[in-house]
Amino acid sequence: MYRSLAPLAVCLAALAVAMSAAAAGPSYVALGGPGVLSRDGTTRFVAVPIEAGTAIERIRVADGTVLNWTDLEGTWGIPAPTFSPRDNEGLTRDGKRLIVATAGAGSPTSFAVLGARTMQVFDRFDLEGSFAYDALSPDGSTLYLTQHVDAENINRTAMPVE
């Protein structure tokens, strides 16, 4: 039986990128790696670097098939304040929307709201300053952020922002 090594190569490359993204700054987003598992556990969302920016992909867990994706200019990632793919960070409770953010420190910080099935961009906004995803309210109406106020000390933050 022939098995492709492509999925393994993609996973190893994504893991290397995820480790470098985790060390890249205070954005609490991950590139590559395990991504975020959907609420029903059948798909996962992963940010993959591409030549023109980042592809946010929806992947079937059972066989690794990329079901659909959207390309975003720049370096984007999946929220990962706890670095646990089972936390469903960035997904609304109903699983219909996914929040993604630009990776690394710096200003402005950009966020996008994607349709979890279609990967269509529903909304996109920029905030002046360096912000990190913290949490999403249960109804998906409020995004909680942490503002980094000192580029020399990423642990120095302002009060939470809604």
N, C-alpha and C. Protein backbone atom coordinates (compact mmCIF):
# COMPACT_ATOMS: atom_id res chain seq x y z
N MET A 1 0.84 -1.17 0.00
CA MET A 1 0.00 0.00 0.00
C MET A 1 0.89 1.24 0.00
N TYR A 2 0.62 2.21 -0.87
CA TYR A 2 1.39 3.44 -0.98
C TYR A 2 0.79 4.51 -0.09
N ARG A 3 1.63 5.14 0.70
CA ARG A 3 1.17 6.26 1.53
C ARG A 3 2.05 7.45 1.23
N SER A 4 1.43 8.58 1.06
CA SER A 4 2.16 9.81 0.79
C SER A 4 2.80 10.33 2.07
N LEU A 5 4.02 10.82 1.95
CA LEU A 5 4.70 11.43 3.09
C LEU A 5 4.43 12.93 3.16
N ALA A 6 3.66 13.44 2.20
CA ALA A 6 3.37 14.88 2.16
C ALA A 6 2.69 15.37 3.44
N PRO A 7 1.66 14.68 3.96
CA PRO A 7 1.04 15.18 5.20
C PRO A 7 2.04 15.24 6.36
N LEU A 8 2.94 14.26 6.46
CA LEU A 8 3.93 14.27 7.52
C LEU A 8 4.88 15.45 7.35
N ALA A 9 5.32 15.69 6.12
CA ALA A 9 6.22 16.82 5.86
C ALA A 9 5.56 18.15 6.19
N VAL A 10 4.29 18.27 5.83
CA VAL A 10 3.55 19.50 6.13
C VAL A 10 3.44 19.69 7.63
N CYS A 11 3.14 18.62 8.36
CA CYS A 11 3.01 18.71 9.83
C CYS A 11 4.33 19.10 10.47
N LEU A 12 5.44 18.50 10.02
CA LEU A 12 6.75 18.85 10.59
C LEU A 12 7.12 20.29 10.30
N ALA A 13 6.87 20.74 9.07
CA ALA A 13 7.15 22.13 8.72
C ALA A 13 6.28 23.07 9.53
N ALA A 14 5.01 22.72 9.66
CA ALA A 14 4.09 23.57 10.43
C ALA A 14 4.50 23.64 11.88
N LEU A 15 4.97 22.53 12.45
CA LEU A 15 5.40 22.53 13.84
C LEU A 15 6.61 23.44 14.03
N ALA A 16 7.54 23.40 13.09
CA ALA A 16 8.71 24.28 13.17
C ALA A 16 8.29 25.74 13.11
N VAL A 17 7.35 26.06 12.23
CA VAL A 17 6.86 27.43 12.12
C VAL A 17 6.13 27.82 13.39
N ALA A 18 5.35 26.91 13.96
CA ALA A 18 4.60 27.22 15.18
C ALA A 18 5.55 27.54 16.32
N MET A 19 6.63 26.78 16.43
CA MET A 19 7.57 27.06 17.50
C MET A 19 8.22 28.42 17.31
N SER A 20 8.54 28.78 16.07
CA SER A 20 9.14 30.09 15.84
C SER A 20 8.12 31.19 16.07
N ALA A 21 6.87 30.96 15.74
CA ALA A 21 5.84 31.98 15.96
C ALA A 21 5.60 32.19 17.44
N ALA A 22 5.67 31.12 18.22
CA ALA A 22 5.44 31.25 19.65
C ALA A 22 6.51 32.13 20.28
N ALA A 23 7.70 32.14 19.70
CA ALA A 23 8.77 32.95 20.24
C ALA A 23 8.85 34.32 19.58
N ALA A 24 8.00 34.59 18.61
CA ALA A 24 8.09 35.81 17.83
C ALA A 24 7.56 37.04 18.53
N GLY A 25 6.83 36.89 19.56
CA GLY A 25 6.33 38.09 20.22
C GLY A 25 5.02 37.85 20.93
N PRO A 26 4.42 38.92 21.38
CA PRO A 26 3.30 38.83 22.30
C PRO A 26 1.92 38.73 21.67
N SER A 27 1.81 38.17 20.49
CA SER A 27 0.50 38.19 19.83
C SER A 27 -0.41 37.04 20.24
N TYR A 28 0.13 36.01 20.86
CA TYR A 28 -0.65 34.84 21.28
C TYR A 28 -1.41 34.23 20.11
N VAL A 29 -0.78 34.16 18.96
CA VAL A 29 -1.35 33.45 17.81
C VAL A 29 -0.30 32.46 17.34
N ALA A 30 -0.76 31.39 16.72
CA ALA A 30 0.15 30.35 16.26
C ALA A 30 0.04 30.17 14.76
N LEU A 31 1.19 30.02 14.12
CA LEU A 31 1.27 29.65 12.72
C LEU A 31 1.57 28.16 12.68
N GLY A 32 0.87 27.43 11.82
CA GLY A 32 1.11 25.99 11.72
C GLY A 32 0.69 25.28 12.98
N GLY A 33 1.43 24.25 13.34
CA GLY A 33 1.12 23.50 14.55
C GLY A 33 -0.22 22.81 14.45
N PRO A 34 -0.76 22.44 15.59
CA PRO A 34 -2.02 21.69 15.58
C PRO A 34 -3.23 22.56 15.25
N GLY A 35 -3.10 23.88 15.36
CA GLY A 35 -4.23 24.75 15.06
C GLY A 35 -5.31 24.64 16.11
N VAL A 36 -6.54 24.90 15.72
CA VAL A 36 -7.68 24.87 16.63
C VAL A 36 -8.69 23.85 16.12
N LEU A 37 -9.13 22.99 17.00
CA LEU A 37 -10.11 21.97 16.67
C LEU A 37 -11.51 22.57 16.65
N SER A 38 -12.31 22.19 15.67
CA SER A 38 -13.69 22.67 15.59
C SER A 38 -14.48 22.12 16.78
N ARG A 39 -15.62 22.72 17.04
CA ARG A 39 -16.45 22.31 18.18
C ARG A 39 -16.86 20.84 18.09
N ASP A 40 -17.12 20.35 16.87
CA ASP A 40 -17.56 18.95 16.73
C ASP A 40 -16.39 17.99 16.54
N GLY A 41 -15.16 18.51 16.47
CA GLY A 41 -13.98 17.67 16.38
C GLY A 41 -13.69 17.08 15.01
N THR A 42 -14.46 17.46 13.99
CA THR A 42 -14.26 16.87 12.66
C THR A 42 -13.27 17.65 11.79
N THR A 43 -13.07 18.92 12.10
CA THR A 43 -12.12 19.73 11.33
C THR A 43 -11.24 20.51 12.29
N ARG A 44 -10.14 21.01 11.73
CA ARG A 44 -9.27 21.88 12.50
C ARG A 44 -8.86 23.04 11.61
N PHE A 45 -8.53 24.16 12.22
CA PHE A 45 -8.14 25.38 11.51
C PHE A 45 -6.67 25.63 11.77
N VAL A 46 -5.90 25.86 10.71
CA VAL A 46 -4.46 26.05 10.81
C VAL A 46 -4.05 27.23 9.95
N ALA A 47 -3.10 28.03 10.43
CA ALA A 47 -2.53 29.13 9.66
C ALA A 47 -1.23 28.64 9.03
N VAL A 48 -1.14 28.73 7.71
CA VAL A 48 0.00 28.21 6.97
C VAL A 48 0.66 29.35 6.19
N PRO A 49 1.97 29.59 6.39
CA PRO A 49 2.64 30.63 5.62
C PRO A 49 2.66 30.27 4.13
N ILE A 50 2.36 31.25 3.29
CA ILE A 50 2.46 31.09 1.84
C ILE A 50 3.25 32.28 1.30
N GLU A 51 3.60 32.23 0.05
CA GLU A 51 4.44 33.28 -0.54
C GLU A 51 3.84 34.68 -0.37
N ALA A 52 2.54 34.80 -0.55
CA ALA A 52 1.90 36.12 -0.51
C ALA A 52 1.36 36.48 0.87
N GLY A 53 1.59 35.66 1.89
CA GLY A 53 1.04 35.96 3.21
C GLY A 53 0.77 34.70 4.00
N THR A 54 -0.50 34.51 4.36
CA THR A 54 -0.90 33.37 5.18
C THR A 54 -2.20 32.77 4.66
N ALA A 55 -2.25 31.46 4.58
CA ALA A 55 -3.49 30.76 4.25
C ALA A 55 -4.07 30.23 5.56
N ILE A 56 -5.33 30.59 5.85
CA ILE A 56 -6.03 30.02 6.99
C ILE A 56 -6.84 28.87 6.42
N GLU A 57 -6.49 27.65 6.81
CA GLU A 57 -7.07 26.45 6.21
C GLU A 57 -8.01 25.73 7.16
N ARG A 58 -9.04 25.16 6.58
CA ARG A 58 -9.97 24.28 7.30
C ARG A 58 -9.67 22.87 6.82
N ILE A 59 -9.24 22.00 7.73
CA ILE A 59 -8.73 20.68 7.37
C ILE A 59 -9.57 19.59 8.04
N ARG A 60 -9.94 18.57 7.27
CA ARG A 60 -10.68 17.43 7.83
C ARG A 60 -9.73 16.60 8.69
N VAL A 61 -10.10 16.35 9.93
CA VAL A 61 -9.27 15.62 10.87
C VAL A 61 -9.05 14.17 10.42
N ALA A 62 -10.08 13.53 9.91
CA ALA A 62 -10.01 12.10 9.57
C ALA A 62 -8.91 11.77 8.56
N ASP A 63 -8.72 12.62 7.55
CA ASP A 63 -7.76 12.26 6.51
C ASP A 63 -6.81 13.39 6.09
N GLY A 64 -6.90 14.55 6.74
CA GLY A 64 -5.99 15.66 6.43
C GLY A 64 -6.33 16.44 5.17
N THR A 65 -7.49 16.20 4.59
CA THR A 65 -7.90 16.91 3.39
C THR A 65 -8.18 18.38 3.71
N VAL A 66 -7.60 19.28 2.90
CA VAL A 66 -7.91 20.71 3.06
C VAL A 66 -9.27 20.94 2.40
N LEU A 67 -10.26 21.30 3.22
CA LEU A 67 -11.62 21.47 2.72
C LEU A 67 -11.81 22.83 2.06
N ASN A 68 -11.26 23.87 2.65
CA ASN A 68 -11.24 25.20 2.04
C ASN A 68 -10.30 26.08 2.82
N TRP A 69 -10.07 27.27 2.30
CA TRP A 69 -9.12 28.18 2.92
C TRP A 69 -9.38 29.60 2.43
N THR A 70 -8.72 30.53 3.11
CA THR A 70 -8.71 31.91 2.66
C THR A 70 -7.28 32.41 2.78
N ASP A 71 -6.85 33.23 1.85
CA ASP A 71 -5.52 33.81 1.88
C ASP A 71 -5.59 35.23 2.42
N LEU A 72 -4.71 35.54 3.36
CA LEU A 72 -4.64 36.87 3.94
C LEU A 72 -3.24 37.43 3.73
N GLU A 73 -3.15 38.69 3.35
CA GLU A 73 -1.86 39.34 3.17
C GLU A 73 -1.20 39.56 4.52
N GLY A 74 0.06 39.25 4.64
CA GLY A 74 0.77 39.43 5.90
C GLY A 74 0.87 38.14 6.68
N THR A 75 1.36 38.26 7.90
CA THR A 75 1.55 37.09 8.76
C THR A 75 0.43 37.03 9.79
N TRP A 76 -0.40 36.02 9.68
CA TRP A 76 -1.58 35.84 10.53
C TRP A 76 -1.48 34.53 11.28
N GLY A 77 -2.24 34.42 12.35
CA GLY A 77 -2.24 33.18 13.11
C GLY A 77 -3.57 32.94 13.80
N ILE A 78 -3.69 31.74 14.34
CA ILE A 78 -4.87 31.31 15.08
C ILE A 78 -4.64 31.67 16.55
N PRO A 79 -5.62 32.23 17.25
CA PRO A 79 -5.44 32.57 18.66
C PRO A 79 -4.95 31.36 19.46
N ALA A 80 -3.93 31.60 20.29
CA ALA A 80 -3.35 30.51 21.07
C ALA A 80 -2.85 31.00 22.42
N PRO A 81 -3.71 31.63 23.23
CA PRO A 81 -3.21 32.09 24.53
C PRO A 81 -2.80 30.96 25.45
N THR A 82 -3.34 29.76 25.24
CA THR A 82 -2.98 28.62 26.08
C THR A 82 -2.18 27.58 25.30
N PHE A 83 -2.03 27.75 24.00
CA PHE A 83 -1.33 26.81 23.12
C PHE A 83 -1.89 25.39 23.21
N SER A 84 -3.19 25.28 23.40
CA SER A 84 -3.85 23.98 23.42
C SER A 84 -4.90 23.95 22.32
N PRO A 85 -4.75 23.06 21.32
CA PRO A 85 -5.71 23.01 20.21
C PRO A 85 -7.11 22.60 20.65
N ARG A 86 -7.26 22.04 21.81
CA ARG A 86 -8.57 21.58 22.28
C ARG A 86 -9.37 22.70 22.94
N ASP A 87 -8.77 23.85 23.15
CA ASP A 87 -9.47 24.95 23.82
C ASP A 87 -10.43 25.68 22.89
N ASN A 88 -10.40 25.42 21.61
CA ASN A 88 -11.28 26.05 20.62
C ASN A 88 -11.16 27.57 20.65
N GLU A 89 -9.99 28.09 21.02
CA GLU A 89 -9.80 29.54 21.08
C GLU A 89 -10.02 30.15 19.71
N GLY A 90 -10.70 31.28 19.71
CA GLY A 90 -10.96 31.99 18.47
C GLY A 90 -12.25 31.58 17.79
N LEU A 91 -12.86 30.48 18.22
CA LEU A 91 -14.13 30.03 17.64
C LEU A 91 -15.29 30.51 18.51
N THR A 92 -16.34 30.98 17.86
CA THR A 92 -17.54 31.31 18.62
C THR A 92 -18.13 30.01 19.17
N ARG A 93 -18.93 30.13 20.21
CA ARG A 93 -19.49 28.93 20.85
C ARG A 93 -20.29 28.08 19.86
N ASP A 94 -20.99 28.74 18.92
CA ASP A 94 -21.77 27.98 17.95
C ASP A 94 -20.89 27.42 16.82
N GLY A 95 -19.60 27.76 16.83
CA GLY A 95 -18.66 27.24 15.85
C GLY A 95 -18.78 27.84 14.47
N LYS A 96 -19.54 28.93 14.32
CA LYS A 96 -19.77 29.52 12.99
C LYS A 96 -18.75 30.56 12.58
N ARG A 97 -18.02 31.14 13.54
CA ARG A 97 -17.04 32.19 13.24
C ARG A 97 -15.70 31.87 13.89
N LEU A 98 -14.63 32.26 13.19
CA LEU A 98 -13.27 32.08 13.68
C LEU A 98 -12.59 33.44 13.66
N ILE A 99 -11.95 33.82 14.77
CA ILE A 99 -11.19 35.05 14.85
C ILE A 99 -9.73 34.71 14.60
N VAL A 100 -9.06 35.47 13.73
CA VAL A 100 -7.62 35.32 13.50
C VAL A 100 -6.99 36.69 13.68
N ALA A 101 -5.67 36.71 13.94
CA ALA A 101 -4.98 37.97 14.19
C ALA A 101 -3.60 37.94 13.57
N THR A 102 -3.05 39.14 13.36
CA THR A 102 -1.69 39.23 12.86
C THR A 102 -0.74 38.74 13.94
N ALA A 103 0.37 38.17 13.51
CA ALA A 103 1.35 37.59 14.43
C ALA A 103 2.47 38.58 14.72
N GLY A 104 3.05 38.45 15.90
CA GLY A 104 4.18 39.28 16.28
C GLY A 104 3.77 40.57 16.95
N ALA A 105 4.78 41.29 17.41
CA ALA A 105 4.54 42.56 18.08
C ALA A 105 4.52 43.68 17.05
N GLY A 106 3.98 44.79 17.43
CA GLY A 106 4.00 45.95 16.55
C GLY A 106 2.62 46.53 16.37
N SER A 107 2.61 47.65 15.69
CA SER A 107 1.37 48.39 15.48
C SER A 107 1.23 48.66 14.00
N PRO A 108 0.03 48.59 13.48
CA PRO A 108 -1.21 48.20 14.14
C PRO A 108 -1.32 46.68 14.27
N THR A 109 -2.25 46.24 15.10
CA THR A 109 -2.60 44.83 15.22
C THR A 109 -3.90 44.65 14.44
N SER A 110 -3.94 43.63 13.59
CA SER A 110 -5.13 43.38 12.77
C SER A 110 -5.84 42.12 13.20
N PHE A 111 -7.15 42.14 13.11
CA PHE A 111 -8.00 40.99 13.41
C PHE A 111 -8.95 40.77 12.25
N ALA A 112 -9.32 39.52 12.00
CA ALA A 112 -10.31 39.20 10.97
C ALA A 112 -11.28 38.17 11.53
N VAL A 113 -12.53 38.29 11.11
CA VAL A 113 -13.58 37.35 11.49
C VAL A 113 -13.93 36.55 10.25
N LEU A 114 -13.73 35.23 10.33
CA LEU A 114 -13.97 34.35 9.18
C LEU A 114 -15.17 33.45 9.43
N GLY A 115 -15.87 33.10 8.36
CA GLY A 115 -16.91 32.07 8.45
C GLY A 115 -16.20 30.74 8.58
N ALA A 116 -16.51 29.97 9.61
CA ALA A 116 -15.78 28.74 9.88
C ALA A 116 -15.97 27.67 8.81
N ARG A 117 -17.08 27.65 8.12
CA ARG A 117 -17.28 26.66 7.06
C ARG A 117 -16.76 27.16 5.71
N THR A 118 -17.06 28.40 5.38
CA THR A 118 -16.71 28.93 4.06
C THR A 118 -15.34 29.58 4.01
N MET A 119 -14.81 29.96 5.18
CA MET A 119 -13.56 30.70 5.32
C MET A 119 -13.65 32.10 4.70
N GLN A 120 -14.86 32.57 4.47
CA GLN A 120 -15.10 33.92 3.95
C GLN A 120 -14.78 34.93 5.04
N VAL A 121 -14.13 36.05 4.66
CA VAL A 121 -13.84 37.13 5.62
C VAL A 121 -15.11 37.96 5.78
N PHE A 122 -15.68 37.96 7.01
CA PHE A 122 -16.89 38.72 7.29
C PHE A 122 -16.57 40.12 7.80
N ASP A 123 -15.47 40.25 8.53
CA ASP A 123 -15.09 41.54 9.08
C ASP A 123 -13.58 41.54 9.28
N ARG A 124 -13.02 42.74 9.23
CA ARG A 124 -11.58 42.90 9.45
C ARG A 124 -11.38 44.28 10.04
N PHE A 125 -10.54 44.37 11.08
CA PHE A 125 -10.30 45.66 11.70
C PHE A 125 -8.87 45.73 12.24
N ASP A 126 -8.36 46.96 12.34
CA ASP A 126 -7.02 47.23 12.84
C ASP A 126 -7.12 48.07 14.10
N LEU A 127 -6.23 47.81 15.04
CA LEU A 127 -6.13 48.61 16.26
C LEU A 127 -4.72 49.18 16.35
N GLU A 128 -4.62 50.47 16.61
CA GLU A 128 -3.31 51.07 16.80
C GLU A 128 -2.72 50.55 18.10
N GLY A 129 -1.53 50.03 18.04
CA GLY A 129 -0.87 49.46 19.21
C GLY A 129 -0.64 47.98 19.04
N SER A 130 -0.01 47.38 20.05
CA SER A 130 0.30 45.96 20.04
C SER A 130 -0.67 45.24 20.98
N PHE A 131 -1.58 44.47 20.40
CA PHE A 131 -2.62 43.78 21.16
C PHE A 131 -2.50 42.27 20.98
N ALA A 132 -2.95 41.54 21.98
CA ALA A 132 -2.97 40.09 21.91
C ALA A 132 -4.38 39.60 22.22
N TYR A 133 -4.80 38.58 21.50
CA TYR A 133 -6.08 37.90 21.77
C TYR A 133 -6.02 37.33 23.17
N ASP A 134 -7.07 37.53 23.95
CA ASP A 134 -7.15 36.94 25.28
C ASP A 134 -8.31 35.94 25.35
N ALA A 135 -9.50 36.36 24.92
CA ALA A 135 -10.67 35.48 24.97
C ALA A 135 -11.79 36.05 24.12
N LEU A 136 -12.79 35.23 23.89
CA LEU A 136 -13.98 35.61 23.15
C LEU A 136 -15.18 35.31 24.05
N SER A 137 -16.11 36.26 24.15
CA SER A 137 -17.27 36.03 25.01
C SER A 137 -18.08 34.84 24.49
N PRO A 138 -18.84 34.18 25.37
CA PRO A 138 -19.60 33.01 24.95
C PRO A 138 -20.52 33.25 23.75
N ASP A 139 -21.12 34.45 23.65
CA ASP A 139 -22.01 34.71 22.52
C ASP A 139 -21.27 35.26 21.30
N GLY A 140 -19.94 35.42 21.42
CA GLY A 140 -19.15 35.88 20.28
C GLY A 140 -19.24 37.37 20.00
N SER A 141 -19.90 38.12 20.87
CA SER A 141 -20.09 39.55 20.61
C SER A 141 -18.96 40.43 21.13
N THR A 142 -18.14 39.89 22.03
CA THR A 142 -17.07 40.69 22.62
C THR A 142 -15.74 39.95 22.51
N LEU A 143 -14.75 40.66 22.00
CA LEU A 143 -13.39 40.14 21.89
C LEU A 143 -12.57 40.78 22.99
N TYR A 144 -11.98 39.98 23.86
CA TYR A 144 -11.15 40.50 24.94
C TYR A 144 -9.70 40.46 24.51
N LEU A 145 -9.00 41.56 24.70
CA LEU A 145 -7.62 41.71 24.25
C LEU A 145 -6.75 42.17 25.40
N THR A 146 -5.46 41.91 25.27
CA THR A 146 -4.47 42.45 26.18
C THR A 146 -3.59 43.39 25.36
N GLN A 147 -3.32 44.59 25.89
CA GLN A 147 -2.47 45.54 25.18
C GLN A 147 -1.07 45.49 25.78
N HIS A 148 -0.08 45.31 24.92
CA HIS A 148 1.32 45.33 25.33
C HIS A 148 1.80 46.77 25.22
N VAL A 149 2.27 47.32 26.33
CA VAL A 149 2.62 48.74 26.36
C VAL A 149 4.13 48.99 26.39
N ASP A 150 4.93 47.93 26.45
CA ASP A 150 6.37 48.08 26.52
C ASP A 150 7.03 47.06 25.60
N ALA A 151 7.63 47.54 24.52
CA ALA A 151 8.25 46.64 23.55
C ALA A 151 9.45 45.90 24.15
N GLU A 152 10.07 46.46 25.17
CA GLU A 152 11.21 45.83 25.83
C GLU A 152 10.78 44.76 26.83
N ASN A 153 9.55 44.84 27.31
CA ASN A 153 9.05 43.91 28.32
C ASN A 153 7.63 43.49 27.95
N ILE A 154 7.51 42.35 27.24
CA ILE A 154 6.19 41.94 26.76
C ILE A 154 5.25 41.54 27.88
N ASN A 155 5.77 41.35 29.07
CA ASN A 155 4.91 41.02 30.21
C ASN A 155 4.23 42.24 30.80
N ARG A 156 4.65 43.42 30.39
CA ARG A 156 4.01 44.66 30.88
C ARG A 156 2.83 44.95 29.99
N THR A 157 1.66 44.88 30.56
CA THR A 157 0.43 45.06 29.79
C THR A 157 -0.47 46.09 30.43
N ALA A 158 -1.39 46.61 29.61
CA ALA A 158 -2.41 47.53 30.13
C ALA A 158 -3.58 46.72 30.62
N MET A 159 -4.56 47.39 31.17
CA MET A 159 -5.78 46.72 31.60
C MET A 159 -6.43 46.06 30.39
N PRO A 160 -7.18 44.96 30.60
CA PRO A 160 -7.85 44.31 29.47
C PRO A 160 -8.73 45.28 28.69
N VAL A 161 -8.79 45.06 27.39
CA VAL A 161 -9.56 45.91 26.48
C VAL A 161 -10.72 45.11 25.92
N GLU A 162 -11.90 45.70 25.84
CA GLU A 162 -13.06 45.04 25.23
C GLU A 162 -13.34 45.67 23.90
